Amino acid sequence: MTATDGTPRPGPPQALERLIGFVNTNEPQLSQDLLRDPTETRRWLLAEGFEVGKLNRDDWAAIIGFREGVRAAAAANNGSGVDADAVAGLRQAIDRLGFTVRADADAHLEVASTTPSGRALAPLVGGLMAAQADGSWTRVKACARDSCRWLFYDTTRNRSRTWCTNTTCGSREKAKRAYRRQLAKRQA
């Protein structure tokens, strides 16, 4: 990635890139969800290199709760405010996933779990914790367009990016605002 002045802009750390990809398995705008059920979820996790055992409906529900809770947290990074229900759902999912955090001899944090779904998502939770610690988490945002909510990593210097892309969601939102202004002028 490069800025408009040609200087390179770093993208997200690999662990965050993986987390963003996981959350974007659900594309609300297109009603496409790659994690529709426990079987599809297990298949996707395995294809992406996650270690996962057999998943039951409760495991799957916890995975989906975690995914959508992370999406809500990223929306808060984009000025949407904190959704109390989503935070409660995220807490509940984390409890069901059974995560434990340990420090190794070098003081690196290691996330573990006793549940199949928790073991699969442990690298994502570890990446999220590291991103919160180094400050890169605040650059992970959910698109401000209500029908989209696609996660992206804001590489702008002032962290002002609002939409997943300016050419689609940004353009549509700007056109909608312009239309409303024109309509208000006509009615005045």
N, C-alpha and C. Protein backbone atom coordinates (compact mmCIF):
# COMPACT_ATOMS: atom_id res chain seq x y z
N MET A 1 0.83 -1.17 0.00
CA MET A 1 0.00 0.00 0.00
C MET A 1 0.88 1.24 0.00
N THR A 2 0.48 2.23 -0.79
CA THR A 2 1.22 3.48 -0.79
C THR A 2 0.25 4.63 -0.63
N ALA A 3 0.75 5.70 -0.05
CA ALA A 3 -0.04 6.91 0.12
C ALA A 3 -0.06 7.65 -1.20
N THR A 4 -0.88 8.70 -1.29
CA THR A 4 -0.96 9.47 -2.52
C THR A 4 0.36 10.16 -2.84
N ASP A 5 1.20 10.41 -1.83
CA ASP A 5 2.51 11.02 -2.07
C ASP A 5 3.59 9.99 -2.39
N GLY A 6 3.23 8.72 -2.49
CA GLY A 6 4.16 7.67 -2.87
C GLY A 6 4.86 6.98 -1.71
N THR A 7 4.67 7.47 -0.49
CA THR A 7 5.32 6.82 0.65
C THR A 7 4.56 5.55 1.01
N PRO A 8 5.29 4.50 1.33
CA PRO A 8 4.61 3.24 1.68
C PRO A 8 3.84 3.37 2.99
N ARG A 9 2.65 2.80 3.00
CA ARG A 9 1.84 2.74 4.22
C ARG A 9 1.72 1.28 4.62
N PRO A 10 2.05 0.99 5.85
CA PRO A 10 1.97 -0.41 6.26
C PRO A 10 0.51 -0.87 6.35
N GLY A 11 0.30 -2.10 5.97
CA GLY A 11 -1.02 -2.71 6.11
C GLY A 11 -1.15 -3.31 7.49
N PRO A 12 -2.19 -4.07 7.69
CA PRO A 12 -2.40 -4.65 9.01
C PRO A 12 -1.38 -5.75 9.30
N PRO A 13 -1.07 -5.94 10.58
CA PRO A 13 -0.24 -7.10 10.93
C PRO A 13 -0.96 -8.37 10.46
N GLN A 14 -0.20 -9.41 10.20
CA GLN A 14 -0.77 -10.65 9.66
C GLN A 14 -1.90 -11.20 10.54
N ALA A 15 -1.74 -11.12 11.85
CA ALA A 15 -2.78 -11.65 12.74
C ALA A 15 -4.07 -10.86 12.58
N LEU A 16 -3.97 -9.55 12.38
CA LEU A 16 -5.18 -8.75 12.17
C LEU A 16 -5.79 -9.02 10.81
N GLU A 17 -4.95 -9.22 9.82
CA GLU A 17 -5.43 -9.56 8.48
C GLU A 17 -6.27 -10.84 8.54
N ARG A 18 -5.79 -11.78 9.31
CA ARG A 18 -6.51 -13.05 9.47
C ARG A 18 -7.85 -12.84 10.19
N LEU A 19 -7.84 -12.00 11.21
CA LEU A 19 -9.07 -11.69 11.96
C LEU A 19 -10.08 -10.99 11.06
N ILE A 20 -9.61 -10.03 10.28
CA ILE A 20 -10.49 -9.31 9.35
C ILE A 20 -11.10 -10.29 8.34
N GLY A 21 -10.28 -11.18 7.81
CA GLY A 21 -10.78 -12.19 6.87
C GLY A 21 -11.82 -13.09 7.51
N PHE A 22 -11.62 -13.44 8.76
CA PHE A 22 -12.58 -14.27 9.48
C PHE A 22 -13.92 -13.54 9.63
N VAL A 23 -13.88 -12.29 10.07
CA VAL A 23 -15.13 -11.54 10.25
C VAL A 23 -15.82 -11.33 8.91
N ASN A 24 -15.05 -11.12 7.86
CA ASN A 24 -15.64 -10.88 6.54
C ASN A 24 -16.15 -12.15 5.85
N THR A 25 -16.19 -13.26 6.59
CA THR A 25 -16.84 -14.45 6.04
C THR A 25 -18.35 -14.24 5.95
N ASN A 26 -18.84 -13.23 6.63
CA ASN A 26 -20.25 -12.86 6.54
C ASN A 26 -20.32 -11.51 5.86
N GLU A 27 -20.93 -11.48 4.69
CA GLU A 27 -21.09 -10.22 3.97
C GLU A 27 -22.57 -9.86 3.97
N PRO A 28 -23.00 -9.07 4.98
CA PRO A 28 -24.43 -8.75 5.13
C PRO A 28 -25.05 -8.12 3.88
N GLN A 29 -24.28 -7.29 3.19
CA GLN A 29 -24.80 -6.58 2.02
C GLN A 29 -25.26 -7.55 0.92
N LEU A 30 -24.57 -8.68 0.81
CA LEU A 30 -24.91 -9.66 -0.22
C LEU A 30 -25.62 -10.89 0.34
N SER A 31 -25.87 -10.89 1.64
CA SER A 31 -26.47 -12.04 2.32
C SER A 31 -25.68 -13.32 2.04
N GLN A 32 -24.36 -13.20 2.10
CA GLN A 32 -23.49 -14.35 1.89
C GLN A 32 -22.72 -14.63 3.17
N ASP A 33 -22.91 -15.81 3.71
CA ASP A 33 -22.22 -16.21 4.93
C ASP A 33 -21.53 -17.54 4.67
N LEU A 34 -20.21 -17.55 4.77
CA LEU A 34 -19.44 -18.76 4.53
C LEU A 34 -19.48 -19.72 5.72
N LEU A 35 -20.00 -19.23 6.86
CA LEU A 35 -20.07 -20.06 8.07
C LEU A 35 -21.53 -20.32 8.43
N ARG A 36 -22.28 -20.87 7.50
CA ARG A 36 -23.73 -21.06 7.66
C ARG A 36 -24.14 -22.09 8.70
N ASP A 37 -23.27 -23.04 8.95
CA ASP A 37 -23.60 -24.11 9.89
C ASP A 37 -22.28 -24.72 10.39
N PRO A 38 -22.35 -25.64 11.34
CA PRO A 38 -21.10 -26.21 11.88
C PRO A 38 -20.21 -26.87 10.81
N THR A 39 -20.81 -27.56 9.86
CA THR A 39 -20.03 -28.24 8.82
C THR A 39 -19.29 -27.24 7.93
N GLU A 40 -20.01 -26.20 7.45
CA GLU A 40 -19.39 -25.17 6.61
C GLU A 40 -18.31 -24.42 7.38
N THR A 41 -18.57 -24.18 8.66
CA THR A 41 -17.61 -23.45 9.49
C THR A 41 -16.33 -24.26 9.66
N ARG A 42 -16.49 -25.54 9.97
CA ARG A 42 -15.33 -26.41 10.13
C ARG A 42 -14.54 -26.48 8.82
N ARG A 43 -15.23 -26.60 7.70
CA ARG A 43 -14.58 -26.67 6.39
C ARG A 43 -13.78 -25.39 6.12
N TRP A 44 -14.37 -24.23 6.42
CA TRP A 44 -13.68 -22.96 6.19
C TRP A 44 -12.45 -22.85 7.10
N LEU A 45 -12.63 -23.16 8.38
CA LEU A 45 -11.51 -23.07 9.32
C LEU A 45 -10.35 -23.96 8.90
N LEU A 46 -10.64 -25.19 8.50
CA LEU A 46 -9.59 -26.10 8.05
C LEU A 46 -8.89 -25.58 6.79
N ALA A 47 -9.68 -25.06 5.85
CA ALA A 47 -9.11 -24.53 4.61
C ALA A 47 -8.20 -23.34 4.88
N GLU A 48 -8.47 -22.60 5.94
CA GLU A 48 -7.67 -21.43 6.30
C GLU A 48 -6.51 -21.77 7.23
N GLY A 49 -6.33 -23.05 7.53
CA GLY A 49 -5.19 -23.48 8.32
C GLY A 49 -5.39 -23.45 9.83
N PHE A 50 -6.63 -23.32 10.27
CA PHE A 50 -6.91 -23.36 11.71
C PHE A 50 -7.01 -24.81 12.15
N GLU A 51 -6.59 -25.10 13.36
CA GLU A 51 -6.74 -26.44 13.92
C GLU A 51 -8.11 -26.51 14.56
N VAL A 52 -8.92 -27.43 14.10
CA VAL A 52 -10.28 -27.52 14.63
C VAL A 52 -10.74 -28.96 14.62
N GLY A 53 -11.40 -29.33 15.70
CA GLY A 53 -12.00 -30.67 15.78
C GLY A 53 -13.44 -30.60 15.30
N LYS A 54 -14.21 -31.57 15.69
CA LYS A 54 -15.62 -31.59 15.32
C LYS A 54 -16.35 -30.45 16.06
N LEU A 55 -17.24 -29.77 15.35
CA LEU A 55 -18.00 -28.67 15.93
C LEU A 55 -19.47 -29.05 16.08
N ASN A 56 -20.03 -28.79 17.24
CA ASN A 56 -21.48 -28.98 17.40
C ASN A 56 -22.17 -27.62 17.26
N ARG A 57 -23.48 -27.61 17.40
CA ARG A 57 -24.25 -26.36 17.22
C ARG A 57 -23.85 -25.30 18.24
N ASP A 58 -23.54 -25.69 19.47
CA ASP A 58 -23.13 -24.71 20.49
C ASP A 58 -21.77 -24.10 20.14
N ASP A 59 -20.84 -24.93 19.66
CA ASP A 59 -19.54 -24.43 19.22
C ASP A 59 -19.73 -23.41 18.10
N TRP A 60 -20.54 -23.80 17.14
CA TRP A 60 -20.80 -22.94 15.99
C TRP A 60 -21.44 -21.62 16.43
N ALA A 61 -22.42 -21.66 17.32
CA ALA A 61 -23.07 -20.44 17.81
C ALA A 61 -22.06 -19.53 18.51
N ALA A 62 -21.14 -20.11 19.26
CA ALA A 62 -20.11 -19.31 19.94
C ALA A 62 -19.17 -18.65 18.92
N ILE A 63 -18.83 -19.38 17.87
CA ILE A 63 -17.97 -18.83 16.82
C ILE A 63 -18.66 -17.65 16.14
N ILE A 64 -19.93 -17.82 15.82
CA ILE A 64 -20.68 -16.75 15.16
C ILE A 64 -20.83 -15.56 16.11
N GLY A 65 -21.09 -15.81 17.38
CA GLY A 65 -21.19 -14.73 18.36
C GLY A 65 -19.89 -13.96 18.47
N PHE A 66 -18.78 -14.66 18.47
CA PHE A 66 -17.47 -14.01 18.51
C PHE A 66 -17.27 -13.16 17.26
N ARG A 67 -17.56 -13.73 16.10
CA ARG A 67 -17.37 -13.00 14.83
C ARG A 67 -18.17 -11.71 14.81
N GLU A 68 -19.44 -11.79 15.16
CA GLU A 68 -20.28 -10.60 15.09
C GLU A 68 -19.97 -9.61 16.21
N GLY A 69 -19.47 -10.10 17.35
CA GLY A 69 -19.02 -9.21 18.41
C GLY A 69 -17.80 -8.40 17.99
N VAL A 70 -16.88 -9.06 17.29
CA VAL A 70 -15.70 -8.35 16.78
C VAL A 70 -16.13 -7.31 15.76
N ARG A 71 -17.11 -7.64 14.90
CA ARG A 71 -17.61 -6.68 13.92
C ARG A 71 -18.18 -5.45 14.63
N ALA A 72 -18.94 -5.67 15.70
CA ALA A 72 -19.53 -4.56 16.45
C ALA A 72 -18.43 -3.71 17.10
N ALA A 73 -17.39 -4.35 17.60
CA ALA A 73 -16.28 -3.61 18.20
C ALA A 73 -15.57 -2.77 17.14
N ALA A 74 -15.41 -3.31 15.94
CA ALA A 74 -14.78 -2.56 14.86
C ALA A 74 -15.67 -1.40 14.41
N ALA A 75 -16.99 -1.56 14.49
CA ALA A 75 -17.90 -0.46 14.16
C ALA A 75 -17.73 0.67 15.16
N ALA A 76 -17.48 0.33 16.42
CA ALA A 76 -17.24 1.35 17.43
C ALA A 76 -15.95 2.12 17.10
N ASN A 77 -14.96 1.45 16.51
CA ASN A 77 -13.73 2.12 16.08
C ASN A 77 -14.01 3.14 14.98
N ASN A 78 -15.14 3.02 14.31
CA ASN A 78 -15.51 3.92 13.22
C ASN A 78 -16.55 4.94 13.67
N GLY A 79 -16.69 5.11 14.98
CA GLY A 79 -17.58 6.14 15.51
C GLY A 79 -19.03 5.74 15.65
N SER A 80 -19.34 4.47 15.52
CA SER A 80 -20.73 4.02 15.63
C SER A 80 -21.21 3.92 17.07
N GLY A 81 -20.33 4.06 18.01
CA GLY A 81 -20.73 3.87 19.40
C GLY A 81 -20.72 2.39 19.73
N VAL A 82 -20.72 2.10 20.99
CA VAL A 82 -20.67 0.72 21.44
C VAL A 82 -22.08 0.15 21.52
N ASP A 83 -22.29 -0.97 20.87
CA ASP A 83 -23.57 -1.67 20.92
C ASP A 83 -23.55 -2.60 22.13
N ALA A 84 -24.30 -2.23 23.18
CA ALA A 84 -24.28 -2.98 24.43
C ALA A 84 -24.68 -4.44 24.23
N ASP A 85 -25.66 -4.70 23.37
CA ASP A 85 -26.09 -6.08 23.11
C ASP A 85 -24.97 -6.88 22.44
N ALA A 86 -24.27 -6.24 21.51
CA ALA A 86 -23.17 -6.92 20.82
C ALA A 86 -22.03 -7.22 21.79
N VAL A 87 -21.74 -6.28 22.69
CA VAL A 87 -20.69 -6.52 23.68
C VAL A 87 -21.08 -7.68 24.60
N ALA A 88 -22.33 -7.70 25.01
CA ALA A 88 -22.81 -8.81 25.86
C ALA A 88 -22.71 -10.14 25.10
N GLY A 89 -23.05 -10.13 23.83
CA GLY A 89 -22.94 -11.34 23.01
C GLY A 89 -21.50 -11.77 22.84
N LEU A 90 -20.59 -10.80 22.71
CA LEU A 90 -19.17 -11.11 22.59
C LEU A 90 -18.65 -11.72 23.89
N ARG A 91 -19.03 -11.15 25.00
CA ARG A 91 -18.62 -11.71 26.30
C ARG A 91 -19.13 -13.14 26.46
N GLN A 92 -20.38 -13.35 26.10
CA GLN A 92 -20.97 -14.68 26.22
C GLN A 92 -20.24 -15.68 25.31
N ALA A 93 -19.92 -15.25 24.10
CA ALA A 93 -19.20 -16.13 23.17
C ALA A 93 -17.82 -16.46 23.71
N ILE A 94 -17.13 -15.46 24.25
CA ILE A 94 -15.79 -15.70 24.81
C ILE A 94 -15.88 -16.67 25.97
N ASP A 95 -16.89 -16.53 26.82
CA ASP A 95 -17.07 -17.47 27.93
C ASP A 95 -17.31 -18.89 27.41
N ARG A 96 -18.16 -19.03 26.38
CA ARG A 96 -18.45 -20.36 25.83
C ARG A 96 -17.24 -20.97 25.13
N LEU A 97 -16.38 -20.11 24.58
CA LEU A 97 -15.19 -20.60 23.88
C LEU A 97 -14.10 -21.02 24.85
N GLY A 98 -14.22 -20.64 26.11
CA GLY A 98 -13.33 -21.12 27.16
C GLY A 98 -11.88 -20.72 27.03
N PHE A 99 -11.60 -19.47 26.71
CA PHE A 99 -10.23 -19.02 26.53
C PHE A 99 -9.50 -18.85 27.86
N THR A 100 -8.23 -19.20 27.85
CA THR A 100 -7.33 -18.88 28.96
C THR A 100 -6.11 -18.20 28.35
N VAL A 101 -5.53 -17.29 29.09
CA VAL A 101 -4.35 -16.58 28.62
C VAL A 101 -3.22 -16.87 29.59
N ARG A 102 -2.07 -17.26 29.04
CA ARG A 102 -0.89 -17.56 29.85
C ARG A 102 0.29 -16.75 29.31
N ALA A 103 1.21 -16.45 30.19
CA ALA A 103 2.46 -15.80 29.77
C ALA A 103 3.55 -16.87 29.76
N ASP A 104 4.32 -16.92 28.66
CA ASP A 104 5.42 -17.89 28.62
C ASP A 104 6.65 -17.29 29.30
N ALA A 105 7.77 -17.98 29.24
CA ALA A 105 9.00 -17.55 29.93
C ALA A 105 9.51 -16.19 29.44
N ASP A 106 9.18 -15.84 28.18
CA ASP A 106 9.61 -14.55 27.62
C ASP A 106 8.55 -13.48 27.75
N ALA A 107 7.52 -13.75 28.55
CA ALA A 107 6.41 -12.82 28.79
C ALA A 107 5.54 -12.60 27.55
N HIS A 108 5.58 -13.53 26.60
CA HIS A 108 4.66 -13.47 25.47
C HIS A 108 3.35 -14.12 25.90
N LEU A 109 2.24 -13.50 25.52
CA LEU A 109 0.96 -14.06 25.89
C LEU A 109 0.57 -15.17 24.93
N GLU A 110 0.02 -16.23 25.49
CA GLU A 110 -0.43 -17.37 24.70
C GLU A 110 -1.89 -17.62 25.06
N VAL A 111 -2.74 -17.70 24.04
CA VAL A 111 -4.16 -17.95 24.25
C VAL A 111 -4.43 -19.43 24.01
N ALA A 112 -5.14 -20.05 24.92
CA ALA A 112 -5.48 -21.47 24.79
C ALA A 112 -6.95 -21.66 25.12
N SER A 113 -7.46 -22.84 24.82
CA SER A 113 -8.85 -23.17 25.11
C SER A 113 -8.99 -24.68 25.19
N THR A 114 -10.01 -25.12 25.92
CA THR A 114 -10.30 -26.55 26.02
C THR A 114 -11.40 -26.98 25.08
N THR A 115 -12.08 -26.03 24.43
CA THR A 115 -13.16 -26.38 23.51
C THR A 115 -12.63 -26.43 22.08
N PRO A 116 -13.23 -27.25 21.21
CA PRO A 116 -12.76 -27.32 19.82
C PRO A 116 -12.84 -25.97 19.11
N SER A 117 -13.92 -25.24 19.34
CA SER A 117 -14.08 -23.94 18.68
C SER A 117 -13.11 -22.93 19.26
N GLY A 118 -12.88 -22.98 20.56
CA GLY A 118 -11.94 -22.07 21.20
C GLY A 118 -10.51 -22.30 20.72
N ARG A 119 -10.13 -23.57 20.58
CA ARG A 119 -8.79 -23.88 20.07
C ARG A 119 -8.62 -23.34 18.66
N ALA A 120 -9.65 -23.44 17.86
CA ALA A 120 -9.57 -22.95 16.49
C ALA A 120 -9.39 -21.44 16.45
N LEU A 121 -10.11 -20.74 17.32
CA LEU A 121 -10.07 -19.27 17.29
C LEU A 121 -8.97 -18.66 18.16
N ALA A 122 -8.26 -19.45 18.92
CA ALA A 122 -7.22 -18.93 19.82
C ALA A 122 -6.22 -18.03 19.09
N PRO A 123 -5.76 -18.38 17.87
CA PRO A 123 -4.83 -17.46 17.19
C PRO A 123 -5.47 -16.10 16.89
N LEU A 124 -6.76 -16.09 16.60
CA LEU A 124 -7.44 -14.83 16.31
C LEU A 124 -7.54 -13.97 17.57
N VAL A 125 -7.85 -14.61 18.69
CA VAL A 125 -7.94 -13.88 19.96
C VAL A 125 -6.57 -13.34 20.35
N GLY A 126 -5.54 -14.15 20.16
CA GLY A 126 -4.18 -13.70 20.43
C GLY A 126 -3.80 -12.50 19.58
N GLY A 127 -4.17 -12.55 18.31
CA GLY A 127 -3.90 -11.43 17.40
C GLY A 127 -4.66 -10.18 17.80
N LEU A 128 -5.89 -10.36 18.24
CA LEU A 128 -6.70 -9.24 18.70
C LEU A 128 -6.08 -8.60 19.94
N MET A 129 -5.64 -9.43 20.88
CA MET A 129 -5.01 -8.92 22.09
C MET A 129 -3.72 -8.16 21.76
N ALA A 130 -2.92 -8.71 20.86
CA ALA A 130 -1.67 -8.05 20.47
C ALA A 130 -1.96 -6.71 19.78
N ALA A 131 -2.99 -6.68 18.94
CA ALA A 131 -3.36 -5.44 18.24
C ALA A 131 -3.86 -4.38 19.22
N GLN A 132 -4.59 -4.81 20.24
CA GLN A 132 -5.02 -3.85 21.24
C GLN A 132 -3.82 -3.31 22.02
N ALA A 133 -2.86 -4.17 22.29
CA ALA A 133 -1.67 -3.76 23.04
C ALA A 133 -0.79 -2.80 22.24
N ASP A 134 -0.66 -3.04 20.91
CA ASP A 134 0.22 -2.17 20.12
C ASP A 134 -0.50 -0.99 19.47
N GLY A 135 -1.82 -0.90 19.67
CA GLY A 135 -2.58 0.24 19.15
C GLY A 135 -3.11 0.08 17.74
N SER A 136 -2.77 -1.01 17.05
CA SER A 136 -3.24 -1.18 15.67
C SER A 136 -4.72 -1.55 15.60
N TRP A 137 -5.29 -2.03 16.69
CA TRP A 137 -6.71 -2.41 16.69
C TRP A 137 -7.61 -1.22 16.33
N THR A 138 -7.26 -0.01 16.74
CA THR A 138 -8.12 1.15 16.47
C THR A 138 -8.21 1.45 14.98
N ARG A 139 -7.33 0.87 14.18
CA ARG A 139 -7.39 1.06 12.72
C ARG A 139 -8.32 0.05 12.05
N VAL A 140 -8.77 -0.95 12.79
CA VAL A 140 -9.71 -1.92 12.22
C VAL A 140 -11.11 -1.34 12.39
N LYS A 141 -11.80 -1.17 11.28
CA LYS A 141 -13.12 -0.52 11.31
C LYS A 141 -14.12 -1.33 10.49
N ALA A 142 -15.37 -1.15 10.84
CA ALA A 142 -16.46 -1.70 10.02
C ALA A 142 -16.97 -0.56 9.15
N CYS A 143 -17.23 -0.84 7.91
CA CYS A 143 -17.73 0.17 6.97
C CYS A 143 -18.93 0.89 7.59
N ALA A 144 -18.96 2.21 7.43
CA ALA A 144 -20.02 3.02 8.02
C ALA A 144 -21.36 2.85 7.31
N ARG A 145 -21.36 2.25 6.15
CA ARG A 145 -22.61 2.02 5.43
C ARG A 145 -23.36 0.89 6.13
N ASP A 146 -24.57 1.19 6.62
CA ASP A 146 -25.34 0.24 7.42
C ASP A 146 -25.55 -1.11 6.75
N SER A 147 -25.73 -1.11 5.45
CA SER A 147 -25.99 -2.38 4.76
C SER A 147 -24.71 -3.16 4.45
N CYS A 148 -23.55 -2.57 4.73
CA CYS A 148 -22.28 -3.23 4.41
C CYS A 148 -21.63 -3.82 5.65
N ARG A 149 -21.03 -3.00 6.47
CA ARG A 149 -20.33 -3.40 7.70
C ARG A 149 -19.11 -4.30 7.45
N TRP A 150 -18.54 -4.24 6.24
CA TRP A 150 -17.34 -4.98 5.88
C TRP A 150 -16.18 -4.44 6.70
N LEU A 151 -15.34 -5.30 7.25
CA LEU A 151 -14.19 -4.85 8.02
C LEU A 151 -13.04 -4.48 7.09
N PHE A 152 -12.31 -3.43 7.47
CA PHE A 152 -11.14 -3.00 6.72
C PHE A 152 -10.13 -2.41 7.69
N TYR A 153 -8.90 -2.27 7.22
CA TYR A 153 -7.82 -1.69 8.01
C TYR A 153 -7.56 -0.29 7.48
N ASP A 154 -7.74 0.72 8.31
CA ASP A 154 -7.60 2.12 7.92
C ASP A 154 -6.12 2.48 7.88
N THR A 155 -5.60 2.70 6.68
CA THR A 155 -4.19 3.05 6.52
C THR A 155 -3.97 4.55 6.39
N THR A 156 -5.04 5.35 6.49
CA THR A 156 -4.85 6.79 6.36
C THR A 156 -4.06 7.33 7.54
N ARG A 157 -3.29 8.35 7.28
CA ARG A 157 -2.42 8.92 8.31
C ARG A 157 -3.24 9.39 9.52
N ASN A 158 -4.37 10.05 9.26
CA ASN A 158 -5.17 10.59 10.37
C ASN A 158 -6.31 9.66 10.81
N ARG A 159 -6.28 8.44 10.31
CA ARG A 159 -7.28 7.42 10.69
C ARG A 159 -8.72 7.88 10.43
N SER A 160 -8.92 8.51 9.29
CA SER A 160 -10.22 9.10 8.99
C SER A 160 -11.07 8.31 7.99
N ARG A 161 -10.56 7.21 7.50
CA ARG A 161 -11.32 6.44 6.51
C ARG A 161 -12.61 5.94 7.15
N THR A 162 -13.69 6.01 6.38
CA THR A 162 -15.02 5.68 6.89
C THR A 162 -15.64 4.46 6.22
N TRP A 163 -15.39 4.31 4.93
CA TRP A 163 -16.01 3.25 4.15
C TRP A 163 -15.00 2.21 3.73
N CYS A 164 -15.50 1.01 3.44
CA CYS A 164 -14.61 -0.06 3.00
C CYS A 164 -13.89 0.34 1.72
N THR A 165 -14.61 0.96 0.79
CA THR A 165 -14.01 1.52 -0.42
C THR A 165 -14.73 2.82 -0.77
N ASN A 166 -14.00 3.76 -1.31
CA ASN A 166 -14.62 5.01 -1.75
C ASN A 166 -15.41 4.81 -3.03
N THR A 167 -15.01 3.84 -3.84
CA THR A 167 -15.65 3.65 -5.14
C THR A 167 -17.01 2.98 -5.05
N THR A 168 -17.26 2.23 -3.98
CA THR A 168 -18.58 1.60 -3.87
C THR A 168 -19.38 2.25 -2.74
N CYS A 169 -19.12 1.84 -1.52
CA CYS A 169 -19.92 2.35 -0.40
C CYS A 169 -19.78 3.85 -0.23
N GLY A 170 -18.56 4.36 -0.34
CA GLY A 170 -18.34 5.80 -0.19
C GLY A 170 -19.09 6.59 -1.25
N SER A 171 -19.01 6.13 -2.48
CA SER A 171 -19.70 6.80 -3.59
C SER A 171 -21.22 6.76 -3.40
N ARG A 172 -21.74 5.62 -3.00
CA ARG A 172 -23.19 5.50 -2.79
C ARG A 172 -23.68 6.38 -1.66
N GLU A 173 -22.92 6.43 -0.57
CA GLU A 173 -23.32 7.26 0.57
C GLU A 173 -23.25 8.75 0.22
N LYS A 174 -22.23 9.15 -0.52
CA LYS A 174 -22.11 10.55 -0.93
C LYS A 174 -23.25 10.92 -1.88
N ALA A 175 -23.59 10.02 -2.79
CA ALA A 175 -24.70 10.28 -3.72
C ALA A 175 -26.03 10.38 -2.96
N LYS A 176 -26.22 9.53 -1.96
CA LYS A 176 -27.44 9.57 -1.15
C LYS A 176 -27.55 10.91 -0.41
N ARG A 177 -26.44 11.38 0.14
CA ARG A 177 -26.44 12.67 0.85
C ARG A 177 -26.73 13.82 -0.11
N ALA A 178 -26.12 13.77 -1.29
CA ALA A 178 -26.36 14.83 -2.28
C ALA A 178 -27.82 14.85 -2.70
N TYR A 179 -28.40 13.69 -2.89
CA TYR A 179 -29.81 13.59 -3.27
C TYR A 179 -30.70 14.19 -2.18
N ARG A 180 -30.40 13.88 -0.92
CA ARG A 180 -31.18 14.42 0.20
C ARG A 180 -31.07 15.94 0.27
N ARG A 181 -29.87 16.47 0.02
CA ARG A 181 -29.70 17.93 0.03
C ARG A 181 -30.52 18.57 -1.08
N GLN A 182 -30.49 17.98 -2.27
CA GLN A 182 -31.26 18.50 -3.40
C GLN A 182 -32.75 18.44 -3.12
N LEU A 183 -33.19 17.36 -2.54
CA LEU A 183 -34.60 17.19 -2.19
C LEU A 183 -35.02 18.22 -1.15
N ALA A 184 -34.18 18.47 -0.17
CA ALA A 184 -34.49 19.47 0.87
C ALA A 184 -34.57 20.86 0.26
N LYS A 185 -33.70 21.17 -0.70
CA LYS A 185 -33.74 22.50 -1.37
C LYS A 185 -35.04 22.69 -2.13
N ARG A 186 -35.48 21.64 -2.82
CA ARG A 186 -36.72 21.71 -3.60
C ARG A 186 -37.95 21.90 -2.72
N GLN A 187 -37.90 21.27 -1.55
CA GLN A 187 -39.04 21.32 -0.64
C GLN A 187 -39.06 22.62 0.16
N ALA A 188 -37.94 23.33 0.19
CA ALA A 188 -37.86 24.58 0.99
C ALA A 188 -38.46 25.75 0.28
